N, C-alpha and C. Protein backbone atom coordinates (compact mmCIF):
# COMPACT_ATOMS: atom_id res chain seq x y z
N UNK A 1 -45.29 -11.84 28.44
CA UNK A 1 -44.41 -10.72 28.08
C UNK A 1 -43.16 -11.28 27.40
N UNK A 2 -42.81 -10.72 26.25
CA UNK A 2 -41.64 -11.20 25.52
C UNK A 2 -40.36 -10.74 26.22
N UNK A 3 -39.29 -11.54 26.15
CA UNK A 3 -38.04 -11.17 26.82
C UNK A 3 -37.41 -9.95 26.17
N UNK A 4 -36.68 -9.19 26.98
CA UNK A 4 -36.01 -7.99 26.46
C UNK A 4 -34.97 -8.39 25.44
N UNK A 5 -34.83 -7.61 24.36
CA UNK A 5 -33.83 -7.95 23.34
C UNK A 5 -32.42 -7.87 23.90
N UNK A 6 -31.56 -8.75 23.41
CA UNK A 6 -30.18 -8.74 23.86
C UNK A 6 -29.44 -7.55 23.24
N UNK A 7 -28.53 -6.93 23.99
CA UNK A 7 -27.76 -5.81 23.41
C UNK A 7 -26.86 -6.31 22.30
N UNK A 8 -26.54 -5.46 21.33
CA UNK A 8 -25.64 -5.88 20.26
C UNK A 8 -24.31 -6.37 20.82
N UNK A 9 -23.73 -7.34 20.16
CA UNK A 9 -22.48 -7.92 20.64
C UNK A 9 -21.37 -6.90 20.76
N UNK A 10 -21.33 -5.95 19.84
CA UNK A 10 -20.26 -4.97 19.86
C UNK A 10 -20.29 -4.16 21.14
N UNK A 11 -21.47 -3.86 21.67
CA UNK A 11 -21.55 -3.09 22.90
C UNK A 11 -21.03 -3.90 24.08
N UNK A 12 -21.30 -5.17 24.11
CA UNK A 12 -20.80 -6.03 25.17
C UNK A 12 -19.28 -6.11 25.10
N UNK A 13 -18.75 -6.24 23.88
CA UNK A 13 -17.30 -6.31 23.70
C UNK A 13 -16.64 -5.02 24.16
N UNK A 14 -17.22 -3.89 23.78
CA UNK A 14 -16.66 -2.60 24.16
C UNK A 14 -16.65 -2.43 25.66
N UNK A 15 -17.73 -2.82 26.33
CA UNK A 15 -17.81 -2.70 27.78
C UNK A 15 -16.75 -3.54 28.46
N UNK A 16 -16.55 -4.77 27.95
CA UNK A 16 -15.56 -5.66 28.55
C UNK A 16 -14.15 -5.10 28.35
N UNK A 17 -13.87 -4.59 27.18
CA UNK A 17 -12.53 -4.12 26.89
C UNK A 17 -12.20 -2.80 27.57
N UNK A 18 -13.21 -2.02 27.90
CA UNK A 18 -12.97 -0.70 28.43
C UNK A 18 -12.63 -0.72 29.92
N UNK A 19 -12.70 -1.85 30.55
CA UNK A 19 -12.43 -1.92 31.99
C UNK A 19 -10.93 -1.97 32.26
N UNK A 20 -10.32 -0.80 32.28
CA UNK A 20 -8.95 -0.69 32.71
C UNK A 20 -7.89 -1.08 31.69
N UNK A 21 -8.26 -1.42 30.49
CA UNK A 21 -7.26 -1.79 29.50
C UNK A 21 -7.60 -1.19 28.14
N UNK A 22 -6.59 -0.73 27.47
CA UNK A 22 -6.76 -0.20 26.13
C UNK A 22 -6.26 -1.26 25.16
N UNK A 23 -7.12 -1.71 24.28
CA UNK A 23 -6.78 -2.79 23.36
C UNK A 23 -6.34 -2.20 22.02
N UNK A 24 -5.35 -2.85 21.40
CA UNK A 24 -4.84 -2.38 20.11
C UNK A 24 -4.94 -3.48 19.06
N UNK A 25 -5.12 -3.05 17.83
CA UNK A 25 -5.32 -3.95 16.71
C UNK A 25 -4.45 -3.52 15.53
N UNK A 26 -4.13 -4.46 14.67
CA UNK A 26 -3.58 -4.16 13.36
C UNK A 26 -4.76 -4.06 12.39
N UNK A 27 -4.85 -2.96 11.69
CA UNK A 27 -5.93 -2.81 10.70
C UNK A 27 -5.58 -3.63 9.47
N UNK A 28 -6.51 -4.46 9.08
CA UNK A 28 -6.33 -5.34 7.93
C UNK A 28 -7.51 -5.15 7.00
N UNK A 29 -7.61 -5.97 5.99
CA UNK A 29 -8.70 -5.84 5.03
C UNK A 29 -9.07 -7.22 4.51
N UNK A 30 -10.31 -7.30 4.02
CA UNK A 30 -10.79 -8.53 3.38
C UNK A 30 -10.62 -8.38 1.87
N UNK A 31 -9.97 -9.34 1.27
CA UNK A 31 -9.83 -9.33 -0.17
C UNK A 31 -11.08 -9.90 -0.82
N UNK A 32 -11.59 -9.20 -1.78
CA UNK A 32 -12.78 -9.66 -2.50
C UNK A 32 -12.55 -9.62 -3.99
N UNK A 33 -13.57 -9.94 -4.73
CA UNK A 33 -13.48 -9.86 -6.19
C UNK A 33 -13.74 -8.42 -6.62
N UNK A 34 -12.75 -7.58 -6.37
CA UNK A 34 -12.93 -6.17 -6.65
C UNK A 34 -13.07 -5.94 -8.15
N UNK A 35 -13.93 -5.02 -8.49
CA UNK A 35 -14.23 -4.75 -9.90
C UNK A 35 -14.09 -3.26 -10.15
N UNK A 36 -12.85 -2.82 -10.27
CA UNK A 36 -12.60 -1.40 -10.52
C UNK A 36 -11.26 -1.26 -11.23
N UNK A 37 -11.04 -0.09 -11.75
CA UNK A 37 -9.76 0.21 -12.39
C UNK A 37 -9.45 1.68 -12.16
N UNK A 38 -8.21 1.97 -11.82
CA UNK A 38 -7.74 3.36 -11.76
C UNK A 38 -7.20 3.66 -13.15
N UNK A 39 -8.01 4.31 -13.95
CA UNK A 39 -7.75 4.38 -15.38
C UNK A 39 -6.61 5.33 -15.74
N UNK A 40 -6.24 6.24 -14.83
CA UNK A 40 -5.12 7.14 -15.11
C UNK A 40 -3.91 6.80 -14.23
N UNK A 41 -3.77 5.53 -13.87
CA UNK A 41 -2.68 5.10 -13.01
C UNK A 41 -1.32 5.46 -13.60
N UNK A 42 -1.14 5.27 -14.87
CA UNK A 42 0.16 5.53 -15.50
C UNK A 42 0.56 6.99 -15.37
N UNK A 43 -0.44 7.86 -15.49
CA UNK A 43 -0.16 9.29 -15.35
C UNK A 43 0.16 9.64 -13.90
N UNK A 44 -0.60 9.11 -12.96
CA UNK A 44 -0.41 9.43 -11.55
C UNK A 44 0.92 8.91 -11.03
N UNK A 45 1.32 7.74 -11.49
CA UNK A 45 2.53 7.10 -10.97
C UNK A 45 3.77 7.45 -11.76
N UNK A 46 3.62 8.31 -12.76
CA UNK A 46 4.75 8.70 -13.62
C UNK A 46 5.42 7.48 -14.25
N UNK A 47 4.58 6.53 -14.67
CA UNK A 47 5.09 5.35 -15.36
C UNK A 47 5.46 4.19 -14.48
N UNK A 48 5.40 4.36 -13.14
CA UNK A 48 5.73 3.25 -12.24
C UNK A 48 4.52 2.33 -12.10
N UNK A 49 4.75 1.15 -11.51
CA UNK A 49 3.68 0.16 -11.40
C UNK A 49 2.75 0.40 -10.22
N UNK A 50 3.19 1.18 -9.24
CA UNK A 50 2.38 1.39 -8.04
C UNK A 50 2.32 2.88 -7.71
N UNK A 51 1.30 3.22 -6.92
CA UNK A 51 1.22 4.55 -6.33
C UNK A 51 1.78 4.46 -4.91
N UNK A 52 2.61 5.40 -4.55
CA UNK A 52 3.19 5.38 -3.23
C UNK A 52 3.58 6.80 -2.82
N UNK A 53 3.82 7.02 -1.52
CA UNK A 53 4.21 8.36 -1.07
C UNK A 53 5.60 8.73 -1.58
N UNK A 54 5.94 10.01 -1.52
CA UNK A 54 7.32 10.40 -1.82
C UNK A 54 8.29 9.66 -0.88
N UNK A 55 9.49 9.44 -1.33
CA UNK A 55 10.46 8.65 -0.58
C UNK A 55 10.65 9.22 0.83
N UNK A 56 10.55 8.33 1.83
CA UNK A 56 10.75 8.72 3.22
C UNK A 56 9.61 9.48 3.84
N UNK A 57 8.46 9.56 3.17
CA UNK A 57 7.33 10.33 3.68
C UNK A 57 6.07 9.47 3.67
N UNK A 58 5.02 10.01 4.29
CA UNK A 58 3.67 9.47 4.16
C UNK A 58 2.80 10.52 3.49
N UNK A 59 1.66 10.11 3.01
CA UNK A 59 0.77 11.05 2.33
C UNK A 59 0.87 10.91 0.82
N UNK A 60 0.56 12.00 0.12
CA UNK A 60 0.45 11.94 -1.33
C UNK A 60 1.38 12.95 -2.01
N UNK A 61 1.95 12.57 -3.13
CA UNK A 61 2.65 13.57 -3.94
C UNK A 61 1.62 14.48 -4.61
N UNK A 62 2.09 15.45 -5.32
CA UNK A 62 1.17 16.32 -6.08
C UNK A 62 0.85 15.63 -7.40
N UNK A 63 -0.41 15.22 -7.56
CA UNK A 63 -0.82 14.55 -8.79
C UNK A 63 -1.24 15.58 -9.83
N UNK A 64 -1.03 15.29 -11.10
CA UNK A 64 -1.48 16.21 -12.15
C UNK A 64 -3.00 16.30 -12.26
N UNK A 65 -3.68 15.26 -11.76
CA UNK A 65 -5.14 15.27 -11.73
C UNK A 65 -5.60 14.25 -10.68
N UNK A 66 -6.87 14.29 -10.33
CA UNK A 66 -7.40 13.34 -9.35
C UNK A 66 -7.33 11.91 -9.89
N UNK A 67 -7.13 10.94 -9.00
CA UNK A 67 -7.28 9.55 -9.44
C UNK A 67 -8.67 9.33 -10.03
N UNK A 68 -8.73 8.64 -11.16
CA UNK A 68 -10.00 8.37 -11.84
C UNK A 68 -10.31 6.88 -11.73
N UNK A 69 -11.38 6.58 -11.00
CA UNK A 69 -11.75 5.19 -10.73
C UNK A 69 -13.02 4.85 -11.49
N UNK A 70 -13.00 3.72 -12.16
CA UNK A 70 -14.19 3.21 -12.83
C UNK A 70 -14.57 1.89 -12.19
N UNK A 71 -15.78 1.81 -11.65
CA UNK A 71 -16.30 0.59 -11.04
C UNK A 71 -17.19 -0.15 -12.04
N UNK A 72 -17.24 -1.47 -11.89
CA UNK A 72 -18.16 -2.27 -12.68
C UNK A 72 -17.64 -2.67 -14.03
N UNK A 73 -16.32 -2.70 -14.20
CA UNK A 73 -15.75 -3.05 -15.50
C UNK A 73 -16.11 -4.49 -15.90
N UNK A 74 -16.31 -5.36 -14.91
CA UNK A 74 -16.65 -6.75 -15.17
C UNK A 74 -18.11 -7.06 -14.84
N UNK A 75 -18.90 -6.02 -14.61
CA UNK A 75 -20.32 -6.21 -14.36
C UNK A 75 -20.71 -6.35 -12.91
N UNK A 76 -19.73 -6.33 -11.98
CA UNK A 76 -20.06 -6.42 -10.56
C UNK A 76 -20.35 -5.02 -10.02
N UNK A 77 -21.29 -4.94 -9.08
CA UNK A 77 -21.65 -3.65 -8.52
C UNK A 77 -21.68 -3.70 -7.00
N UNK A 78 -20.71 -4.38 -6.43
CA UNK A 78 -20.62 -4.47 -4.98
C UNK A 78 -19.55 -3.50 -4.51
N UNK A 79 -19.97 -2.52 -3.73
CA UNK A 79 -19.06 -1.48 -3.28
C UNK A 79 -18.65 -1.75 -1.83
N UNK A 80 -17.35 -1.77 -1.60
CA UNK A 80 -16.82 -2.00 -0.26
C UNK A 80 -16.37 -0.67 0.33
N UNK A 81 -16.29 -0.63 1.66
CA UNK A 81 -15.87 0.62 2.31
C UNK A 81 -14.35 0.79 2.31
N UNK A 82 -13.62 -0.30 2.19
CA UNK A 82 -12.16 -0.22 2.12
C UNK A 82 -11.64 -1.21 1.09
N UNK A 83 -10.82 -0.69 0.18
CA UNK A 83 -10.20 -1.51 -0.86
C UNK A 83 -8.72 -1.19 -0.87
N UNK A 84 -7.83 -2.16 -0.69
CA UNK A 84 -6.40 -1.88 -0.77
C UNK A 84 -5.99 -1.62 -2.22
N UNK A 85 -5.11 -0.65 -2.40
CA UNK A 85 -4.61 -0.36 -3.74
C UNK A 85 -3.22 0.26 -3.63
N UNK A 86 -2.21 -0.42 -4.22
CA UNK A 86 -0.83 0.04 -4.14
C UNK A 86 -0.45 0.26 -2.68
N UNK A 87 0.12 1.42 -2.36
CA UNK A 87 0.53 1.71 -0.99
C UNK A 87 -0.57 2.37 -0.17
N UNK A 88 -1.76 2.47 -0.73
CA UNK A 88 -2.84 3.21 -0.08
C UNK A 88 -4.08 2.33 0.11
N UNK A 89 -5.10 2.95 0.69
CA UNK A 89 -6.45 2.38 0.68
C UNK A 89 -7.34 3.29 -0.14
N UNK A 90 -8.35 2.70 -0.75
CA UNK A 90 -9.45 3.46 -1.34
C UNK A 90 -10.64 3.25 -0.42
N UNK A 91 -11.22 4.33 0.07
CA UNK A 91 -12.29 4.20 1.06
C UNK A 91 -13.54 4.97 0.65
N UNK A 92 -14.66 4.52 1.20
CA UNK A 92 -15.95 5.15 0.92
C UNK A 92 -16.08 6.46 1.69
N UNK A 93 -17.07 7.23 1.30
CA UNK A 93 -17.35 8.50 1.98
C UNK A 93 -17.71 8.27 3.44
N UNK A 94 -18.45 7.20 3.73
CA UNK A 94 -18.87 6.99 5.12
C UNK A 94 -17.72 6.52 6.00
N UNK A 95 -16.77 5.77 5.45
CA UNK A 95 -15.60 5.40 6.25
C UNK A 95 -14.70 6.62 6.46
N UNK A 96 -14.58 7.46 5.46
CA UNK A 96 -13.83 8.71 5.61
C UNK A 96 -14.43 9.55 6.74
N UNK A 97 -15.75 9.66 6.77
CA UNK A 97 -16.41 10.44 7.82
C UNK A 97 -16.17 9.84 9.19
N UNK A 98 -16.16 8.50 9.28
CA UNK A 98 -15.89 7.84 10.55
C UNK A 98 -14.47 8.14 11.02
N UNK A 99 -13.50 7.98 10.12
CA UNK A 99 -12.11 8.26 10.48
C UNK A 99 -11.95 9.71 10.96
N UNK A 100 -12.55 10.64 10.22
CA UNK A 100 -12.42 12.05 10.57
C UNK A 100 -13.07 12.37 11.91
N UNK A 101 -14.18 11.72 12.21
CA UNK A 101 -14.89 12.02 13.45
C UNK A 101 -14.15 11.52 14.68
N UNK A 102 -13.32 10.49 14.51
CA UNK A 102 -12.62 9.91 15.66
C UNK A 102 -11.19 10.41 15.76
N UNK A 103 -10.48 10.54 14.64
CA UNK A 103 -9.06 10.88 14.71
C UNK A 103 -8.59 11.47 13.39
N UNK A 104 -9.09 12.67 13.07
CA UNK A 104 -8.83 13.27 11.77
C UNK A 104 -7.33 13.48 11.52
N UNK A 105 -6.56 13.75 12.57
CA UNK A 105 -5.15 14.06 12.40
C UNK A 105 -4.29 12.89 11.97
N UNK A 106 -4.85 11.68 12.00
CA UNK A 106 -4.07 10.50 11.63
C UNK A 106 -3.99 10.28 10.13
N UNK A 107 -4.85 10.97 9.37
CA UNK A 107 -5.04 10.60 7.97
C UNK A 107 -4.76 11.76 7.01
N UNK A 108 -4.37 11.39 5.80
CA UNK A 108 -4.39 12.30 4.65
C UNK A 108 -5.33 11.69 3.62
N UNK A 109 -6.16 12.53 3.01
CA UNK A 109 -7.14 12.07 2.04
C UNK A 109 -6.89 12.74 0.70
N UNK A 110 -7.24 12.02 -0.36
CA UNK A 110 -7.16 12.61 -1.71
C UNK A 110 -8.44 12.22 -2.45
N UNK A 111 -9.14 13.22 -2.94
CA UNK A 111 -10.40 12.98 -3.64
C UNK A 111 -10.17 12.20 -4.93
N UNK A 112 -11.15 11.38 -5.27
CA UNK A 112 -11.13 10.62 -6.53
C UNK A 112 -12.32 11.02 -7.39
N UNK A 113 -12.14 10.92 -8.69
CA UNK A 113 -13.26 11.06 -9.62
C UNK A 113 -13.77 9.66 -9.93
N UNK A 114 -15.04 9.40 -9.61
CA UNK A 114 -15.56 8.04 -9.68
C UNK A 114 -16.67 7.94 -10.72
N UNK A 115 -16.54 6.94 -11.58
CA UNK A 115 -17.56 6.66 -12.58
C UNK A 115 -17.93 5.18 -12.54
N UNK A 116 -19.10 4.86 -13.02
CA UNK A 116 -19.47 3.48 -13.27
C UNK A 116 -19.16 3.14 -14.72
N UNK A 117 -19.17 1.86 -15.03
CA UNK A 117 -18.75 1.44 -16.38
C UNK A 117 -19.67 1.97 -17.47
N UNK A 118 -20.90 2.35 -17.11
CA UNK A 118 -21.82 2.89 -18.11
C UNK A 118 -21.64 4.39 -18.31
N UNK A 119 -20.68 4.97 -17.61
CA UNK A 119 -20.40 6.39 -17.76
C UNK A 119 -21.07 7.29 -16.74
N UNK A 120 -21.97 6.74 -15.94
CA UNK A 120 -22.65 7.55 -14.93
C UNK A 120 -21.75 7.75 -13.72
N UNK A 121 -22.10 8.74 -12.91
CA UNK A 121 -21.31 9.03 -11.72
C UNK A 121 -21.44 7.91 -10.70
N UNK A 122 -20.34 7.56 -10.06
CA UNK A 122 -20.34 6.55 -9.02
C UNK A 122 -20.37 7.19 -7.64
N UNK A 123 -20.41 6.39 -6.59
CA UNK A 123 -20.40 6.91 -5.23
C UNK A 123 -19.06 7.54 -4.91
N UNK A 124 -19.02 8.50 -3.97
CA UNK A 124 -17.75 9.15 -3.64
C UNK A 124 -16.76 8.16 -3.02
N UNK A 125 -15.53 8.22 -3.48
CA UNK A 125 -14.44 7.44 -2.89
C UNK A 125 -13.21 8.32 -2.76
N UNK A 126 -12.35 7.91 -1.82
CA UNK A 126 -11.16 8.69 -1.50
C UNK A 126 -9.94 7.77 -1.39
N UNK A 127 -8.79 8.25 -1.83
CA UNK A 127 -7.55 7.63 -1.44
C UNK A 127 -7.22 8.12 -0.03
N UNK A 128 -6.68 7.22 0.79
CA UNK A 128 -6.33 7.60 2.16
C UNK A 128 -4.98 7.00 2.52
N UNK A 129 -4.22 7.74 3.30
CA UNK A 129 -2.96 7.25 3.85
C UNK A 129 -2.90 7.64 5.32
N UNK A 130 -2.35 6.76 6.14
CA UNK A 130 -2.13 7.08 7.55
C UNK A 130 -0.79 7.79 7.66
N UNK A 131 -0.82 9.03 8.12
CA UNK A 131 0.38 9.87 8.13
C UNK A 131 0.99 10.01 9.52
N UNK A 132 0.25 9.63 10.55
CA UNK A 132 0.80 9.75 11.90
C UNK A 132 1.73 8.58 12.19
N UNK A 133 2.93 8.89 12.66
CA UNK A 133 3.91 7.88 13.05
C UNK A 133 4.29 8.12 14.51
N UNK A 134 4.15 7.10 15.33
CA UNK A 134 4.51 7.20 16.74
C UNK A 134 5.49 6.09 17.08
N UNK A 135 6.61 6.45 17.63
CA UNK A 135 7.64 5.47 18.01
C UNK A 135 7.30 4.94 19.40
N UNK A 136 6.24 4.14 19.46
CA UNK A 136 5.70 3.72 20.76
C UNK A 136 5.81 2.22 21.01
N UNK A 137 6.40 1.46 20.09
CA UNK A 137 6.55 0.03 20.32
C UNK A 137 7.59 -0.20 21.42
N UNK A 138 7.21 -0.97 22.42
CA UNK A 138 8.13 -1.34 23.49
C UNK A 138 9.00 -2.49 22.96
N UNK A 139 10.20 -2.15 22.51
CA UNK A 139 11.05 -3.16 21.85
C UNK A 139 11.57 -4.21 22.82
N UNK A 140 11.68 -3.88 24.09
CA UNK A 140 12.13 -4.87 25.06
C UNK A 140 11.05 -5.93 25.25
N UNK A 141 9.81 -5.48 25.46
CA UNK A 141 8.71 -6.43 25.66
C UNK A 141 8.31 -7.12 24.35
N UNK A 142 8.56 -6.45 23.23
CA UNK A 142 8.17 -6.99 21.91
C UNK A 142 9.39 -7.44 21.13
N UNK A 143 10.36 -8.00 21.81
CA UNK A 143 11.66 -8.27 21.19
C UNK A 143 11.58 -9.17 19.96
N UNK A 144 10.59 -10.04 19.91
CA UNK A 144 10.53 -11.01 18.80
C UNK A 144 10.19 -10.36 17.46
N UNK A 145 9.68 -9.13 17.46
CA UNK A 145 9.32 -8.50 16.20
C UNK A 145 10.46 -7.68 15.62
N UNK A 146 11.50 -7.40 16.40
CA UNK A 146 12.57 -6.51 15.96
C UNK A 146 13.63 -7.31 15.20
N UNK A 147 13.83 -6.92 13.94
CA UNK A 147 14.77 -7.65 13.10
C UNK A 147 15.61 -6.68 12.29
N UNK A 148 16.72 -7.17 11.80
CA UNK A 148 17.57 -6.37 10.93
C UNK A 148 17.17 -6.64 9.49
N UNK A 149 16.88 -5.58 8.76
CA UNK A 149 16.50 -5.74 7.37
C UNK A 149 17.69 -6.04 6.47
N UNK A 150 17.42 -6.27 5.20
CA UNK A 150 18.48 -6.63 4.25
C UNK A 150 19.51 -5.51 4.10
N UNK A 151 19.07 -4.28 4.31
CA UNK A 151 20.00 -3.15 4.16
C UNK A 151 20.70 -2.82 5.46
N UNK A 152 20.44 -3.59 6.52
CA UNK A 152 21.07 -3.34 7.81
C UNK A 152 20.25 -2.46 8.72
N UNK A 153 19.15 -1.90 8.21
CA UNK A 153 18.30 -1.07 9.03
C UNK A 153 17.32 -1.94 9.83
N UNK A 154 16.93 -1.42 10.98
CA UNK A 154 15.98 -2.14 11.82
C UNK A 154 14.60 -2.16 11.17
N UNK A 155 13.91 -3.29 11.31
CA UNK A 155 12.55 -3.40 10.80
C UNK A 155 11.72 -4.22 11.77
N UNK A 156 10.42 -4.03 11.75
CA UNK A 156 9.51 -4.80 12.58
C UNK A 156 8.83 -5.86 11.72
N UNK A 157 8.94 -7.10 12.13
CA UNK A 157 8.25 -8.20 11.46
C UNK A 157 7.05 -8.58 12.30
N UNK A 158 5.89 -8.06 11.95
CA UNK A 158 4.70 -8.21 12.77
C UNK A 158 3.78 -9.25 12.14
N UNK A 159 3.42 -10.26 12.91
CA UNK A 159 2.49 -11.29 12.45
C UNK A 159 1.46 -11.53 13.55
N UNK A 160 0.32 -12.17 13.21
CA UNK A 160 -0.77 -12.29 14.17
C UNK A 160 -0.43 -13.03 15.45
N UNK A 161 0.59 -13.90 15.44
CA UNK A 161 0.89 -14.69 16.63
C UNK A 161 2.02 -14.10 17.47
N UNK A 162 2.59 -12.99 17.04
CA UNK A 162 3.70 -12.39 17.77
C UNK A 162 3.21 -11.19 18.58
N UNK A 163 3.37 -11.21 19.91
CA UNK A 163 2.87 -10.11 20.73
C UNK A 163 3.57 -8.78 20.43
N UNK A 164 2.79 -7.71 20.42
CA UNK A 164 3.32 -6.36 20.27
C UNK A 164 2.84 -5.55 21.46
N UNK A 165 3.77 -4.91 22.15
CA UNK A 165 3.43 -4.10 23.32
C UNK A 165 3.84 -2.66 23.07
N UNK A 166 3.10 -1.74 23.70
CA UNK A 166 3.31 -0.32 23.43
C UNK A 166 3.61 0.45 24.71
N UNK A 167 4.28 1.57 24.53
CA UNK A 167 4.47 2.55 25.60
C UNK A 167 3.30 3.53 25.52
N UNK A 168 2.30 3.30 26.35
CA UNK A 168 1.03 4.01 26.22
C UNK A 168 1.18 5.52 26.42
N UNK A 169 2.15 5.94 27.21
CA UNK A 169 2.29 7.38 27.45
C UNK A 169 2.73 8.12 26.19
N UNK A 170 3.27 7.40 25.21
CA UNK A 170 3.65 8.04 23.95
C UNK A 170 2.48 8.10 22.97
N UNK A 171 1.55 7.18 23.10
CA UNK A 171 0.39 7.17 22.21
C UNK A 171 -0.63 8.22 22.64
N UNK A 172 -0.79 8.40 23.94
CA UNK A 172 -1.73 9.37 24.50
C UNK A 172 -3.13 9.15 23.92
N UNK A 173 -3.70 10.18 23.30
CA UNK A 173 -5.09 10.10 22.82
C UNK A 173 -5.21 9.66 21.37
N UNK A 174 -4.10 9.31 20.72
CA UNK A 174 -4.16 8.89 19.31
C UNK A 174 -4.90 7.57 19.19
N UNK A 175 -5.72 7.45 18.16
CA UNK A 175 -6.47 6.21 17.93
C UNK A 175 -5.91 5.39 16.77
N UNK A 176 -5.21 6.04 15.85
CA UNK A 176 -4.65 5.36 14.68
C UNK A 176 -3.23 5.87 14.46
N UNK A 177 -2.30 4.97 14.15
CA UNK A 177 -0.93 5.40 13.92
C UNK A 177 -0.13 4.28 13.25
N UNK A 178 0.95 4.67 12.64
CA UNK A 178 1.97 3.75 12.17
C UNK A 178 3.10 3.72 13.19
N UNK A 179 3.91 2.68 13.13
CA UNK A 179 5.16 2.64 13.88
C UNK A 179 6.31 2.79 12.91
N UNK A 180 7.40 3.42 13.32
CA UNK A 180 8.57 3.42 12.43
C UNK A 180 9.06 2.00 12.23
N UNK A 181 9.77 1.78 11.18
CA UNK A 181 10.35 0.47 10.86
C UNK A 181 9.29 -0.52 10.37
N UNK A 182 8.07 -0.05 10.09
CA UNK A 182 7.03 -0.98 9.61
C UNK A 182 5.98 -0.20 8.83
N UNK A 183 6.34 0.26 7.65
CA UNK A 183 5.44 1.09 6.83
C UNK A 183 4.12 0.37 6.53
N UNK A 184 4.17 -0.94 6.39
CA UNK A 184 2.98 -1.68 5.98
C UNK A 184 2.01 -2.01 7.09
N UNK A 185 2.31 -1.64 8.33
CA UNK A 185 1.45 -2.00 9.46
C UNK A 185 0.81 -0.75 10.05
N UNK A 186 -0.51 -0.79 10.20
CA UNK A 186 -1.24 0.33 10.79
C UNK A 186 -1.97 -0.17 12.03
N UNK A 187 -1.79 0.54 13.13
CA UNK A 187 -2.41 0.16 14.39
C UNK A 187 -3.59 1.05 14.70
N UNK A 188 -4.56 0.48 15.38
CA UNK A 188 -5.67 1.28 15.91
C UNK A 188 -6.02 0.76 17.29
N UNK A 189 -6.74 1.56 18.05
CA UNK A 189 -7.25 1.06 19.32
C UNK A 189 -8.69 0.58 19.13
N UNK A 190 -9.31 0.15 20.22
CA UNK A 190 -10.63 -0.48 20.08
C UNK A 190 -11.74 0.52 19.75
N UNK A 191 -11.48 1.82 19.90
CA UNK A 191 -12.52 2.79 19.54
C UNK A 191 -12.80 2.74 18.03
N UNK A 192 -11.74 2.69 17.25
CA UNK A 192 -11.90 2.60 15.80
C UNK A 192 -12.55 1.27 15.43
N UNK A 193 -12.06 0.18 16.02
CA UNK A 193 -12.61 -1.14 15.71
C UNK A 193 -14.10 -1.21 16.05
N UNK A 194 -14.46 -0.73 17.23
CA UNK A 194 -15.86 -0.79 17.65
C UNK A 194 -16.75 0.06 16.74
N UNK A 195 -16.26 1.25 16.36
CA UNK A 195 -17.05 2.13 15.50
C UNK A 195 -17.27 1.49 14.13
N UNK A 196 -16.24 0.85 13.58
CA UNK A 196 -16.37 0.21 12.27
C UNK A 196 -17.33 -0.97 12.33
N UNK A 197 -17.28 -1.72 13.41
CA UNK A 197 -18.21 -2.84 13.55
C UNK A 197 -19.65 -2.36 13.76
N UNK A 198 -19.81 -1.31 14.54
CA UNK A 198 -21.15 -0.78 14.77
C UNK A 198 -21.77 -0.28 13.47
N UNK A 199 -20.97 0.39 12.65
CA UNK A 199 -21.46 0.92 11.38
C UNK A 199 -21.43 -0.11 10.25
N UNK A 200 -20.98 -1.33 10.55
CA UNK A 200 -20.95 -2.44 9.59
C UNK A 200 -20.17 -2.07 8.33
N UNK A 201 -18.98 -1.55 8.56
CA UNK A 201 -18.11 -1.24 7.43
C UNK A 201 -17.66 -2.53 6.73
N UNK A 202 -17.69 -2.51 5.42
CA UNK A 202 -17.39 -3.70 4.64
C UNK A 202 -15.99 -3.60 4.06
N UNK A 203 -15.18 -4.63 4.30
CA UNK A 203 -13.85 -4.68 3.72
C UNK A 203 -12.73 -4.44 4.71
N UNK A 204 -13.03 -3.82 5.85
CA UNK A 204 -12.00 -3.53 6.84
C UNK A 204 -12.05 -4.60 7.93
N UNK A 205 -10.88 -5.00 8.39
CA UNK A 205 -10.78 -6.05 9.42
C UNK A 205 -9.77 -5.61 10.47
N UNK A 206 -9.82 -6.25 11.63
CA UNK A 206 -8.95 -5.89 12.74
C UNK A 206 -8.39 -7.16 13.37
N UNK A 207 -7.07 -7.21 13.53
CA UNK A 207 -6.42 -8.34 14.19
C UNK A 207 -5.85 -7.88 15.50
N UNK A 208 -6.27 -8.51 16.57
CA UNK A 208 -5.85 -8.10 17.91
C UNK A 208 -4.35 -8.29 18.08
N UNK A 209 -3.69 -7.25 18.63
CA UNK A 209 -2.29 -7.38 19.00
C UNK A 209 -2.24 -8.22 20.27
N UNK A 210 -1.76 -9.46 20.22
CA UNK A 210 -1.86 -10.35 21.39
C UNK A 210 -0.98 -9.88 22.53
């Protein structure tokens, strides 16, 4: 009789982490040889070099038209589930569905018009921004990340080796959120991480908050 197959590693990890502790991660991404262009960037950004939310906000301004993405400009046809672009992410339809199924209220999405370099329709992609902000960082326990910015305002300097601790009663059931004072950092709990690993999402990475 052949031995029983071993359970997937992700299930073992989830079981170990679920015993009395909620684990948090910084959502990161893998940089690859991306082969795409947002061909109407100049129109969307009103002449600026990057796309970003309105000042002091998260989400999207009102664009005159949908972002137009062309894949395969250099002949590559490898599609990733998450691609960083300006202040946002560009994500696949299946990653959008995963985010919505677990924590729809954390995100704002903007549809894109997608083409391949030969003019044919490409797979669905979306711009996404994390719009939920929770002031849940325990600054006393996480004192090493709290710094004064150049303008005198408080900022969080978060790196992989610096512990970040949270006030869990403020996070409650949220799975994805930003913290104030750190626009560039997005946190998730292990439910999002486990789901992305189970579905083998390409391009998204998770760094454990030590």
